[in-house]
Every structure is written in C-alpha cells, then in structure tokens.
Amino acid sequence: MRVSVSHNRPKEEVVQSVDRHFDELFKEAGSLPVKLTIEHRSWQGSTMTFALTAKMGIISTPIKGTVEVTDRDVIVDADLGMLGRFINEKTAQQFLGSRVKGFLK
C-alpha cells in the first residue's frame, strides 16, 4: 500500500514532524478494527523504516514499511501482510493520508 501526501514546508522540518508524530500516526486506528503496536523505527537520511504488529481479534500480523520525505511529498509504503485481506486498502490509504495531512499543518 502506498500513500503520498504533498507538503510545502522545508524537508528537514517535515522529517522532524514525522518523527515527533509517528506514534500518533499509528496510535489509534480510528475507524479500522485493529490495534497497532510499534516494534521498531529508524531513520536513514530522510527515510524512516518501521515495523509494527497489527492485532485484529485473535489474528496478529507484522506490518513493515518506510516513510520517505522528499522536497514535496511524504510517501508511506507499507506491506499490510495478512491484514490486507481483512481491511480495504482504500480505507487504510484514506486513514493514513488524513493522519499525515493532520500533522503537516
């Protein structure tokens, strides 16, 4: 799954904002019936690599991905694993897109 959100702020400022708000990005799944736990995150330049665990009822699956900050966009690439079979990708994209837009304001 890929989500791209445009921004017009300095790249370094956006990287700092993503770093500060990453926990909030996945903290509450909002309308998604899933609980997310952050396992790992690390930065290499302006790209963050992350790993989460998603729990939905008795099902638990890893989610891995990256958040890349370019001069004009924040791009989230995530492999939803098994969760992708239970949650509509468009719903997940809209959820993440609105969260990213929220902390870029």
PDB file of N, CA and C in Angstrom:
ATOM      1  N   MET A   1       0.840  -1.164   0.000  1.00  0.00           N
ATOM      2  CA  MET A   1       0.000   0.000   0.000  1.00  0.00           C
ATOM      3  C   MET A   1       0.888   1.229   0.000  1.00  0.00           C
ATOM      4  N   ARG A   2       0.513   2.205  -0.795  1.00  0.00           N
ATOM      5  CA  ARG A   2       1.289   3.445  -0.887  1.00  0.00           C
ATOM      6  C   ARG A   2       0.366   4.641  -0.696  1.00  0.00           C
ATOM      7  N   VAL A   3       0.843   5.588   0.128  1.00  0.00           N
ATOM      8  CA  VAL A   3       0.127   6.839   0.356  1.00  0.00           C
ATOM      9  C   VAL A   3       1.127   7.963   0.146  1.00  0.00           C
ATOM     10  N   SER A   4       0.751   8.954  -0.652  1.00  0.00           N
ATOM     11  CA  SER A   4       1.608  10.104  -0.899  1.00  0.00           C
ATOM     12  C   SER A   4       0.835  11.372  -0.551  1.00  0.00           C
ATOM     13  N   VAL A   5       1.453  12.215   0.291  1.00  0.00           N
ATOM     14  CA  VAL A   5       0.831  13.471   0.714  1.00  0.00           C
ATOM     15  C   VAL A   5       1.794  14.608   0.387  1.00  0.00           C
ATOM     16  N   SER A   6       1.320  15.595  -0.349  1.00  0.00           N
ATOM     17  CA  SER A   6       2.154  16.748  -0.712  1.00  0.00           C
ATOM     18  C   SER A   6       2.323  17.683   0.478  1.00  0.00           C
ATOM     19  N   HIS A   7       3.464  18.383   0.496  1.00  0.00           N
ATOM     20  CA  HIS A   7       3.707  19.398   1.513  1.00  0.00           C
ATOM     21  C   HIS A   7       4.452  20.563   0.880  1.00  0.00           C
ATOM     22  N   ASN A   8       4.467  21.697   1.557  1.00  0.00           N
ATOM     23  CA  ASN A   8       5.203  22.861   1.054  1.00  0.00           C
ATOM     24  C   ASN A   8       6.084  23.453   2.148  1.00  0.00           C
ATOM     25  N   ARG A   9       6.568  22.588   3.031  1.00  0.00           N
ATOM     26  CA  ARG A   9       7.441  23.012   4.117  1.00  0.00           C
ATOM     27  C   ARG A   9       8.865  22.530   3.844  1.00  0.00           C
ATOM     28  N   PRO A  10       9.846  23.100   4.551  1.00  0.00           N
ATOM     29  CA  PRO A  10      11.220  22.606   4.372  1.00  0.00           C
ATOM     30  C   PRO A  10      11.323  21.114   4.731  1.00  0.00           C
ATOM     31  N   LYS A  11      12.093  20.393   3.958  1.00  0.00           N
ATOM     32  CA  LYS A  11      12.218  18.943   4.110  1.00  0.00           C
ATOM     33  C   LYS A  11      12.599  18.546   5.535  1.00  0.00           C
ATOM     34  N   GLU A  12      13.597  19.204   6.115  1.00  0.00           N
ATOM     35  CA  GLU A  12      14.054  18.864   7.465  1.00  0.00           C
ATOM     36  C   GLU A  12      12.946  19.070   8.496  1.00  0.00           C
ATOM     37  N   GLU A  13      12.164  20.107   8.321  1.00  0.00           N
ATOM     38  CA  GLU A  13      11.038  20.371   9.229  1.00  0.00           C
ATOM     39  C   GLU A  13      10.004  19.249   9.145  1.00  0.00           C
ATOM     40  N   VAL A  14       9.754  18.753   7.947  1.00  0.00           N
ATOM     41  CA  VAL A  14       8.798  17.664   7.757  1.00  0.00           C
ATOM     42  C   VAL A  14       9.349  16.371   8.368  1.00  0.00           C
ATOM     43  N   VAL A  15      10.645  16.107   8.191  1.00  0.00           N
ATOM     44  CA  VAL A  15      11.264  14.923   8.801  1.00  0.00           C
ATOM     45  C   VAL A  15      11.072  14.971  10.322  1.00  0.00           C
ATOM     46  N   GLN A  16      11.329  16.126  10.925  1.00  0.00           N
ATOM     47  CA  GLN A  16      11.159  16.270  12.373  1.00  0.00           C
ATOM     48  C   GLN A  16       9.706  16.069  12.776  1.00  0.00           C
ATOM     49  N   SER A  17       8.789  16.581  11.993  1.00  0.00           N
ATOM     50  CA  SER A  17       7.366  16.430  12.285  1.00  0.00           C
ATOM     51  C   SER A  17       6.946  14.962  12.195  1.00  0.00           C
ATOM     52  N   VAL A  18       7.405  14.267  11.176  1.00  0.00           N
ATOM     53  CA  VAL A  18       7.098  12.845  11.032  1.00  0.00           C
ATOM     54  C   VAL A  18       7.657  12.080  12.227  1.00  0.00           C
ATOM     55  N   ASP A  19       8.877  12.384  12.621  1.00  0.00           N
ATOM     56  CA  ASP A  19       9.499  11.694  13.747  1.00  0.00           C
ATOM     57  C   ASP A  19       8.713  11.932  15.042  1.00  0.00           C
ATOM     58  N   ARG A  20       8.328  13.198  15.281  1.00  0.00           N
ATOM     59  CA  ARG A  20       7.575  13.544  16.500  1.00  0.00           C
ATOM     60  C   ARG A  20       6.201  12.897  16.536  1.00  0.00           C
ATOM     61  N   HIS A  21       5.544  12.806  15.394  1.00  0.00           N
ATOM     62  CA  HIS A  21       4.159  12.368  15.338  1.00  0.00           C
ATOM     63  C   HIS A  21       3.960  10.924  14.877  1.00  0.00           C
ATOM     64  N   PHE A  22       5.036  10.195  14.664  1.00  0.00           N
ATOM     65  CA  PHE A  22       4.899   8.831  14.144  1.00  0.00           C
ATOM     66  C   PHE A  22       4.033   7.957  15.047  1.00  0.00           C
ATOM     67  N   ASP A  23       4.256   8.047  16.362  1.00  0.00           N
ATOM     68  CA  ASP A  23       3.450   7.247  17.289  1.00  0.00           C
ATOM     69  C   ASP A  23       1.962   7.562  17.128  1.00  0.00           C
ATOM     70  N   GLU A  24       1.640   8.849  16.956  1.00  0.00           N
ATOM     71  CA  GLU A  24       0.248   9.261  16.778  1.00  0.00           C
ATOM     72  C   GLU A  24      -0.325   8.750  15.456  1.00  0.00           C
ATOM     73  N   LEU A  25       0.536   8.656  14.463  1.00  0.00           N
ATOM     74  CA  LEU A  25       0.085   8.203  13.145  1.00  0.00           C
ATOM     75  C   LEU A  25      -0.564   6.826  13.245  1.00  0.00           C
ATOM     76  N   PHE A  26       0.028   5.966  14.074  1.00  0.00           N
ATOM     77  CA  PHE A  26      -0.470   4.603  14.185  1.00  0.00           C
ATOM     78  C   PHE A  26      -1.095   4.284  15.545  1.00  0.00           C
ATOM     79  N   LYS A  27      -1.101   5.276  16.451  1.00  0.00           N
ATOM     80  CA  LYS A  27      -1.563   5.036  17.817  1.00  0.00           C
ATOM     81  C   LYS A  27      -2.981   4.488  17.880  1.00  0.00           C
ATOM     82  N   GLU A  28      -3.908   5.192  17.324  1.00  0.00           N
ATOM     83  CA  GLU A  28      -5.289   4.742  17.302  1.00  0.00           C
ATOM     84  C   GLU A  28      -5.660   4.486  15.858  1.00  0.00           C
ATOM     85  N   ALA A  29      -6.232   3.375  15.627  1.00  0.00           N
ATOM     86  CA  ALA A  29      -6.570   3.007  14.257  1.00  0.00           C
ATOM     87  C   ALA A  29      -7.885   3.629  13.796  1.00  0.00           C
ATOM     88  N   GLY A  30      -8.448   4.503  14.609  1.00  0.00           N
ATOM     89  CA  GLY A  30      -9.669   5.206  14.205  1.00  0.00           C
ATOM     90  C   GLY A  30     -10.780   4.249  13.831  1.00  0.00           C
ATOM     91  N   SER A  31     -11.248   4.335  12.597  1.00  0.00           N
ATOM     92  CA  SER A  31     -12.354   3.502  12.149  1.00  0.00           C
ATOM     93  C   SER A  31     -11.908   2.082  11.775  1.00  0.00           C
ATOM     94  N   LEU A  32     -10.603   1.834  11.804  1.00  0.00           N
ATOM     95  CA  LEU A  32     -10.121   0.498  11.476  1.00  0.00           C
ATOM     96  C   LEU A  32     -10.218  -0.400  12.715  1.00  0.00           C
ATOM     97  N   PRO A  33     -10.743  -1.611  12.582  1.00  0.00           N
ATOM     98  CA  PRO A  33     -10.923  -2.510  13.732  1.00  0.00           C
ATOM     99  C   PRO A  33      -9.637  -3.253  14.088  1.00  0.00           C
ATOM    100  N   VAL A  34      -8.571  -2.513  14.372  1.00  0.00           N
ATOM    101  CA  VAL A  34      -7.272  -3.135  14.583  1.00  0.00           C
ATOM    102  C   VAL A  34      -6.477  -2.353  15.630  1.00  0.00           C
ATOM    103  N   LYS A  35      -5.655  -3.068  16.398  1.00  0.00           N
ATOM    104  CA  LYS A  35      -4.768  -2.432  17.363  1.00  0.00           C
ATOM    105  C   LYS A  35      -3.340  -2.553  16.831  1.00  0.00           C
ATOM    106  N   LEU A  36      -2.640  -1.417  16.755  1.00  0.00           N
ATOM    107  CA  LEU A  36      -1.285  -1.399  16.206  1.00  0.00           C
ATOM    108  C   LEU A  36      -0.277  -1.141  17.313  1.00  0.00           C
ATOM    109  N   THR A  37       0.816  -1.904  17.304  1.00  0.00           N
ATOM    110  CA  THR A  37       1.909  -1.727  18.252  1.00  0.00           C
ATOM    111  C   THR A  37       3.192  -1.484  17.467  1.00  0.00           C
ATOM    112  N   ILE A  38       3.897  -0.416  17.806  1.00  0.00           N
ATOM    113  CA  ILE A  38       5.152  -0.094  17.114  1.00  0.00           C
ATOM    114  C   ILE A  38       6.263  -0.951  17.691  1.00  0.00           C
ATOM    115  N   GLU A  39       6.935  -1.700  16.814  1.00  0.00           N
ATOM    116  CA  GLU A  39       8.027  -2.584  17.224  1.00  0.00           C
ATOM    117  C   GLU A  39       9.394  -1.938  16.999  1.00  0.00           C
ATOM    118  N   HIS A  40       9.500  -1.168  15.909  1.00  0.00           N
ATOM    119  CA  HIS A  40      10.814  -0.639  15.519  1.00  0.00           C
ATOM    120  C   HIS A  40      10.620   0.537  14.574  1.00  0.00           C
ATOM    121  N   ARG A  41      11.515   1.506  14.694  1.00  0.00           N
ATOM    122  CA  ARG A  41      11.595   2.577  13.686  1.00  0.00           C
ATOM    123  C   ARG A  41      13.009   3.143  13.719  1.00  0.00           C
ATOM    124  N   SER A  42      13.527   3.462  12.533  1.00  0.00           N
ATOM    125  CA  SER A  42      14.868   4.049  12.448  1.00  0.00           C
ATOM    126  C   SER A  42      14.961   4.893  11.183  1.00  0.00           C
ATOM    127  N   TRP A  43      15.788   5.923  11.261  1.00  0.00           N
ATOM    128  CA  TRP A  43      15.975   6.848  10.144  1.00  0.00           C
ATOM    129  C   TRP A  43      17.298   6.592   9.452  1.00  0.00           C
ATOM    130  N   GLN A  44      17.288   6.675   8.144  1.00  0.00           N
ATOM    131  CA  GLN A  44      18.491   6.696   7.320  1.00  0.00           C
ATOM    132  C   GLN A  44      18.282   7.869   6.375  1.00  0.00           C
ATOM    133  N   GLY A  45      18.918   8.996   6.691  1.00  0.00           N
ATOM    134  CA  GLY A  45      18.687  10.210   5.920  1.00  0.00           C
ATOM    135  C   GLY A  45      17.263  10.675   6.122  1.00  0.00           C
ATOM    136  N   SER A  46      16.520  10.834   5.035  1.00  0.00           N
ATOM    137  CA  SER A  46      15.134  11.296   5.133  1.00  0.00           C
ATOM    138  C   SER A  46      14.130  10.156   4.917  1.00  0.00           C
ATOM    139  N   THR A  47      14.581   8.920   5.152  1.00  0.00           N
ATOM    140  CA  THR A  47      13.703   7.761   5.035  1.00  0.00           C
ATOM    141  C   THR A  47      13.675   6.987   6.353  1.00  0.00           C
ATOM    142  N   MET A  48      12.474   6.804   6.869  1.00  0.00           N
ATOM    143  CA  MET A  48      12.288   6.021   8.088  1.00  0.00           C
ATOM    144  C   MET A  48      11.823   4.619   7.710  1.00  0.00           C
ATOM    145  N   THR A  49      12.432   3.622   8.335  1.00  0.00           N
ATOM    146  CA  THR A  49      11.995   2.244   8.203  1.00  0.00           C
ATOM    147  C   THR A  49      11.263   1.887   9.489  1.00  0.00           C
ATOM    148  N   PHE A  50      10.125   1.204   9.370  1.00  0.00           N
ATOM    149  CA  PHE A  50       9.369   0.865  10.568  1.00  0.00           C
ATOM    150  C   PHE A  50       8.827  -0.555  10.494  1.00  0.00           C
ATOM    151  N   ALA A  51       8.515  -1.082  11.680  1.00  0.00           N
ATOM    152  CA  ALA A  51       7.874  -2.383  11.803  1.00  0.00           C
ATOM    153  C   ALA A  51       6.822  -2.272  12.897  1.00  0.00           C
ATOM    154  N   LEU A  52       5.638  -2.766  12.610  1.00  0.00           N
ATOM    155  CA  LEU A  52       4.519  -2.746  13.548  1.00  0.00           C
ATOM    156  C   LEU A  52       3.952  -4.148  13.671  1.00  0.00           C
ATOM    157  N   THR A  53       3.164  -4.346  14.719  1.00  0.00           N
ATOM    158  CA  THR A  53       2.359  -5.549  14.829  1.00  0.00           C
ATOM    159  C   THR A  53       0.910  -5.099  14.840  1.00  0.00           C
ATOM    160  N   ALA A  54       0.103  -5.696  13.999  1.00  0.00           N
ATOM    161  CA  ALA A  54      -1.321  -5.379  13.932  1.00  0.00           C
ATOM    162  C   ALA A  54      -2.098  -6.550  14.510  1.00  0.00           C
ATOM    163  N   LYS A  55      -3.004  -6.236  15.434  1.00  0.00           N
ATOM    164  CA  LYS A  55      -3.838  -7.271  16.026  1.00  0.00           C
ATOM    165  C   LYS A  55      -5.297  -6.947  15.734  1.00  0.00           C
ATOM    166  N   MET A  56      -5.971  -7.955  15.223  1.00  0.00           N
ATOM    167  CA  MET A  56      -7.388  -7.823  14.897  1.00  0.00           C
ATOM    168  C   MET A  56      -8.061  -9.088  15.423  1.00  0.00           C
ATOM    169  N   GLY A  57      -8.703  -8.976  16.575  1.00  0.00           N
ATOM    170  CA  GLY A  57      -9.266 -10.159  17.210  1.00  0.00           C
ATOM    171  C   GLY A  57      -8.140 -11.085  17.633  1.00  0.00           C
ATOM    172  N   ILE A  58      -8.193 -12.339  17.202  1.00  0.00           N
ATOM    173  CA  ILE A  58      -7.141 -13.296  17.560  1.00  0.00           C
ATOM    174  C   ILE A  58      -6.010 -13.326  16.538  1.00  0.00           C
ATOM    175  N   ILE A  59      -6.140 -12.556  15.483  1.00  0.00           N
ATOM    176  CA  ILE A  59      -5.140 -12.539  14.410  1.00  0.00           C
ATOM    177  C   ILE A  59      -4.104 -11.460  14.676  1.00  0.00           C
ATOM    178  N   SER A  60      -2.846 -11.821  14.517  1.00  0.00           N
ATOM    179  CA  SER A  60      -1.736 -10.884  14.671  1.00  0.00           C
ATOM    180  C   SER A  60      -0.843 -11.008  13.445  1.00  0.00           C
ATOM    181  N   THR A  61      -0.443  -9.869  12.885  1.00  0.00           N
ATOM    182  CA  THR A  61       0.384  -9.904  11.680  1.00  0.00           C
ATOM    183  C   THR A  61       1.367  -8.735  11.682  1.00  0.00           C
ATOM    184  N   PRO A  62       2.572  -8.954  11.153  1.00  0.00           N
ATOM    185  CA  PRO A  62       3.520  -7.841  11.070  1.00  0.00           C
ATOM    186  C   PRO A  62       3.191  -6.913   9.905  1.00  0.00           C
ATOM    187  N   ILE A  63       3.493  -5.633  10.106  1.00  0.00           N
ATOM    188  CA  ILE A  63       3.406  -4.624   9.051  1.00  0.00           C
ATOM    189  C   ILE A  63       4.774  -3.968   8.976  1.00  0.00           C
ATOM    190  N   LYS A  64       5.335  -3.923   7.794  1.00  0.00           N
ATOM    191  CA  LYS A  64       6.650  -3.302   7.612  1.00  0.00           C
ATOM    192  C   LYS A  64       6.543  -2.260   6.521  1.00  0.00           C
ATOM    193  N   GLY A  65       7.393  -1.238   6.636  1.00  0.00           N
ATOM    194  CA  GLY A  65       7.355  -0.241   5.586  1.00  0.00           C
ATOM    195  C   GLY A  65       8.330   0.881   5.787  1.00  0.00           C
ATOM    196  N   THR A  66       8.149   1.914   4.976  1.00  0.00           N
ATOM    197  CA  THR A  66       9.007   3.094   5.024  1.00  0.00           C
ATOM    198  C   THR A  66       8.157   4.353   4.935  1.00  0.00           C
ATOM    199  N   VAL A  67       8.715   5.427   5.463  1.00  0.00           N
ATOM    200  CA  VAL A  67       8.164   6.768   5.283  1.00  0.00           C
ATOM    201  C   VAL A  67       9.294   7.585   4.683  1.00  0.00           C
ATOM    202  N   GLU A  68       9.119   8.034   3.455  1.00  0.00           N
ATOM    203  CA  GLU A  68      10.143   8.827   2.774  1.00  0.00           C
ATOM    204  C   GLU A  68       9.661  10.271   2.673  1.00  0.00           C
ATOM    205  N   VAL A  69      10.540  11.188   3.084  1.00  0.00           N
ATOM    206  CA  VAL A  69      10.228  12.608   2.970  1.00  0.00           C
ATOM    207  C   VAL A  69      11.069  13.171   1.832  1.00  0.00           C
ATOM    208  N   THR A  70      10.384  13.666   0.806  1.00  0.00           N
ATOM    209  CA  THR A  70      11.075  14.321  -0.312  1.00  0.00           C
ATOM    210  C   THR A  70      10.866  15.822  -0.169  1.00  0.00           C
ATOM    211  N   ASP A  71      11.376  16.576  -1.111  1.00  0.00           N
ATOM    212  CA  ASP A  71      11.210  18.031  -1.066  1.00  0.00           C
ATOM    213  C   ASP A  71       9.748  18.459  -1.170  1.00  0.00           C
ATOM    214  N   ARG A  72       8.899  17.605  -1.734  1.00  0.00           N
ATOM    215  CA  ARG A  72       7.500  17.980  -1.952  1.00  0.00           C
ATOM    216  C   ARG A  72       6.466  17.007  -1.392  1.00  0.00           C
ATOM    217  N   ASP A  73       6.883  15.781  -1.026  1.00  0.00           N
ATOM    218  CA  ASP A  73       5.918  14.762  -0.615  1.00  0.00           C
ATOM    219  C   ASP A  73       6.394  13.984   0.605  1.00  0.00           C
ATOM    220  N   VAL A  74       5.414  13.414   1.313  1.00  0.00           N
ATOM    221  CA  VAL A  74       5.660  12.382   2.319  1.00  0.00           C
ATOM    222  C   VAL A  74       5.042  11.126   1.729  1.00  0.00           C
ATOM    223  N   ILE A  75       5.863  10.092   1.550  1.00  0.00           N
ATOM    224  CA  ILE A  75       5.412   8.864   0.908  1.00  0.00           C
ATOM    225  C   ILE A  75       5.515   7.719   1.915  1.00  0.00           C
ATOM    226  N   VAL A  76       4.368   7.122   2.213  1.00  0.00           N
ATOM    227  CA  VAL A  76       4.317   5.980   3.122  1.00  0.00           C
ATOM    228  C   VAL A  76       4.096   4.734   2.275  1.00  0.00           C
ATOM    229  N   ASP A  77       5.043   3.800   2.357  1.00  0.00           N
ATOM    230  CA  ASP A  77       4.903   2.497   1.710  1.00  0.00           C
ATOM    231  C   ASP A  77       4.809   1.468   2.821  1.00  0.00           C
ATOM    232  N   ALA A  78       3.745   0.680   2.817  1.00  0.00           N
ATOM    233  CA  ALA A  78       3.573  -0.311   3.873  1.00  0.00           C
ATOM    234  C   ALA A  78       3.051  -1.624   3.296  1.00  0.00           C
ATOM    235  N   ASP A  79       3.623  -2.709   3.781  1.00  0.00           N
ATOM    236  CA  ASP A  79       3.139  -4.043   3.464  1.00  0.00           C
ATOM    237  C   ASP A  79       2.228  -4.440   4.619  1.00  0.00           C
ATOM    238  N   LEU A  80       0.932  -4.519   4.366  1.00  0.00           N
ATOM    239  CA  LEU A  80      -0.039  -4.805   5.416  1.00  0.00           C
ATOM    240  C   LEU A  80      -0.087  -6.276   5.814  1.00  0.00           C
ATOM    241  N   GLY A  81       0.663  -7.102   5.115  1.00  0.00           N
ATOM    242  CA  GLY A  81       0.661  -8.522   5.450  1.00  0.00           C
ATOM    243  C   GLY A  81      -0.737  -9.102   5.338  1.00  0.00           C
ATOM    244  N   MET A  82      -1.055 -10.005   6.244  1.00  0.00           N
ATOM    245  CA  MET A  82      -2.364 -10.651   6.261  1.00  0.00           C
ATOM    246  C   MET A  82      -3.498  -9.663   6.499  1.00  0.00           C
ATOM    247  N   LEU A  83      -3.197  -8.557   7.164  1.00  0.00           N
ATOM    248  CA  LEU A  83      -4.211  -7.555   7.467  1.00  0.00           C
ATOM    249  C   LEU A  83      -4.859  -7.017   6.187  1.00  0.00           C
ATOM    250  N   GLY A  84      -4.087  -6.998   5.105  1.00  0.00           N
ATOM    251  CA  GLY A  84      -4.596  -6.525   3.828  1.00  0.00           C
ATOM    252  C   GLY A  84      -5.778  -7.334   3.305  1.00  0.00           C
ATOM    253  N   ARG A  85      -5.939  -8.554   3.806  1.00  0.00           N
ATOM    254  CA  ARG A  85      -7.075  -9.388   3.394  1.00  0.00           C
ATOM    255  C   ARG A  85      -8.363  -9.011   4.124  1.00  0.00           C
ATOM    256  N   PHE A  86      -8.215  -8.334   5.264  1.00  0.00           N
ATOM    257  CA  PHE A  86      -9.377  -8.028   6.100  1.00  0.00           C
ATOM    258  C   PHE A  86      -9.789  -6.562   6.062  1.00  0.00           C
ATOM    259  N   ILE A  87      -8.857  -5.706   5.681  1.00  0.00           N
ATOM    260  CA  ILE A  87      -9.138  -4.269   5.654  1.00  0.00           C
ATOM    261  C   ILE A  87      -8.982  -3.762   4.228  1.00  0.00           C
ATOM    262  N   ASN A  88      -9.970  -3.045   3.765  1.00  0.00           N
ATOM    263  CA  ASN A  88      -9.958  -2.475   2.434  1.00  0.00           C
ATOM    264  C   ASN A  88      -8.763  -1.526   2.298  1.00  0.00           C
ATOM    265  N   GLU A  89      -7.976  -1.703   1.245  1.00  0.00           N
ATOM    266  CA  GLU A  89      -6.775  -0.884   1.052  1.00  0.00           C
ATOM    267  C   GLU A  89      -7.113   0.602   0.923  1.00  0.00           C
ATOM    268  N   LYS A  90      -8.193   0.917   0.242  1.00  0.00           N
ATOM    269  CA  LYS A  90      -8.583   2.333   0.103  1.00  0.00           C
ATOM    270  C   LYS A  90      -8.894   2.948   1.459  1.00  0.00           C
ATOM    271  N   THR A  91      -9.547   2.209   2.345  1.00  0.00           N
ATOM    272  CA  THR A  91      -9.847   2.689   3.694  1.00  0.00           C
ATOM    273  C   THR A  91      -8.556   2.962   4.447  1.00  0.00           C
ATOM    274  N   ALA A  92      -7.607   2.038   4.357  1.00  0.00           N
ATOM    275  CA  ALA A  92      -6.312   2.212   5.027  1.00  0.00           C
ATOM    276  C   ALA A  92      -5.565   3.412   4.447  1.00  0.00           C
ATOM    277  N   GLN A  93      -5.597   3.587   3.135  1.00  0.00           N
ATOM    278  CA  GLN A  93      -4.931   4.728   2.499  1.00  0.00           C
ATOM    279  C   GLN A  93      -5.552   6.046   2.947  1.00  0.00           C
ATOM    280  N   GLN A  94      -6.868   6.102   2.991  1.00  0.00           N
ATOM    281  CA  GLN A  94      -7.541   7.325   3.432  1.00  0.00           C
ATOM    282  C   GLN A  94      -7.207   7.631   4.885  1.00  0.00           C
ATOM    283  N   PHE A  95      -7.200   6.613   5.727  1.00  0.00           N
ATOM    284  CA  PHE A  95      -6.879   6.780   7.143  1.00  0.00           C
ATOM    285  C   PHE A  95      -5.469   7.355   7.305  1.00  0.00           C
ATOM    286  N   LEU A  96      -4.480   6.716   6.680  1.00  0.00           N
ATOM    287  CA  LEU A  96      -3.093   7.196   6.794  1.00  0.00           C
ATOM    288  C   LEU A  96      -2.915   8.568   6.164  1.00  0.00           C
ATOM    289  N   GLY A  97      -3.516   8.783   5.004  1.00  0.00           N
ATOM    290  CA  GLY A  97      -3.415  10.074   4.341  1.00  0.00           C
ATOM    291  C   GLY A  97      -3.938  11.204   5.197  1.00  0.00           C
ATOM    292  N   SER A  98      -5.082  11.002   5.835  1.00  0.00           N
ATOM    293  CA  SER A  98      -5.642  12.065   6.685  1.00  0.00           C
ATOM    294  C   SER A  98      -4.789  12.293   7.921  1.00  0.00           C
ATOM    295  N   ARG A  99      -4.192  11.233   8.476  1.00  0.00           N
ATOM    296  CA  ARG A  99      -3.297  11.389   9.636  1.00  0.00           C
ATOM    297  C   ARG A  99      -2.049  12.184   9.264  1.00  0.00           C
ATOM    298  N   VAL A 100      -1.449  11.849   8.123  1.00  0.00           N
ATOM    299  CA  VAL A 100      -0.245  12.559   7.683  1.00  0.00           C
ATOM    300  C   VAL A 100      -0.567  14.037   7.431  1.00  0.00           C
ATOM    301  N   LYS A 101      -1.665  14.311   6.732  1.00  0.00           N
ATOM    302  CA  LYS A 101      -2.073  15.696   6.478  1.00  0.00           C
ATOM    303  C   LYS A 101      -2.268  16.444   7.780  1.00  0.00           C
ATOM    304  N   GLY A 102      -2.816  15.778   8.775  1.00  0.00           N
ATOM    305  CA  GLY A 102      -3.079  16.409  10.061  1.00  0.00           C
ATOM    306  C   GLY A 102      -1.837  16.916  10.754  1.00  0.00           C
ATOM    307  N   PHE A 103      -0.765  16.142  10.718  1.00  0.00           N
ATOM    308  CA  PHE A 103       0.429  16.629  11.417  1.00  0.00           C
ATOM    309  C   PHE A 103       1.358  17.440  10.526  1.00  0.00           C
ATOM    310  N   LEU A 104       1.002  17.641   9.269  1.00  0.00           N
ATOM    311  CA  LEU A 104       1.780  18.531   8.406  1.00  0.00           C
ATOM    312  C   LEU A 104       1.267  19.969   8.459  1.00  0.00           C
ATOM    313  N   LYS A 105       0.133  20.178   9.091  1.00  0.00           N
ATOM    314  CA  LYS A 105      -0.443  21.532   9.168  1.00  0.00           C
ATOM    315  C   LYS A 105       0.305  22.386  10.149  1.00  0.00           C
TER     316      LYS A 105
END
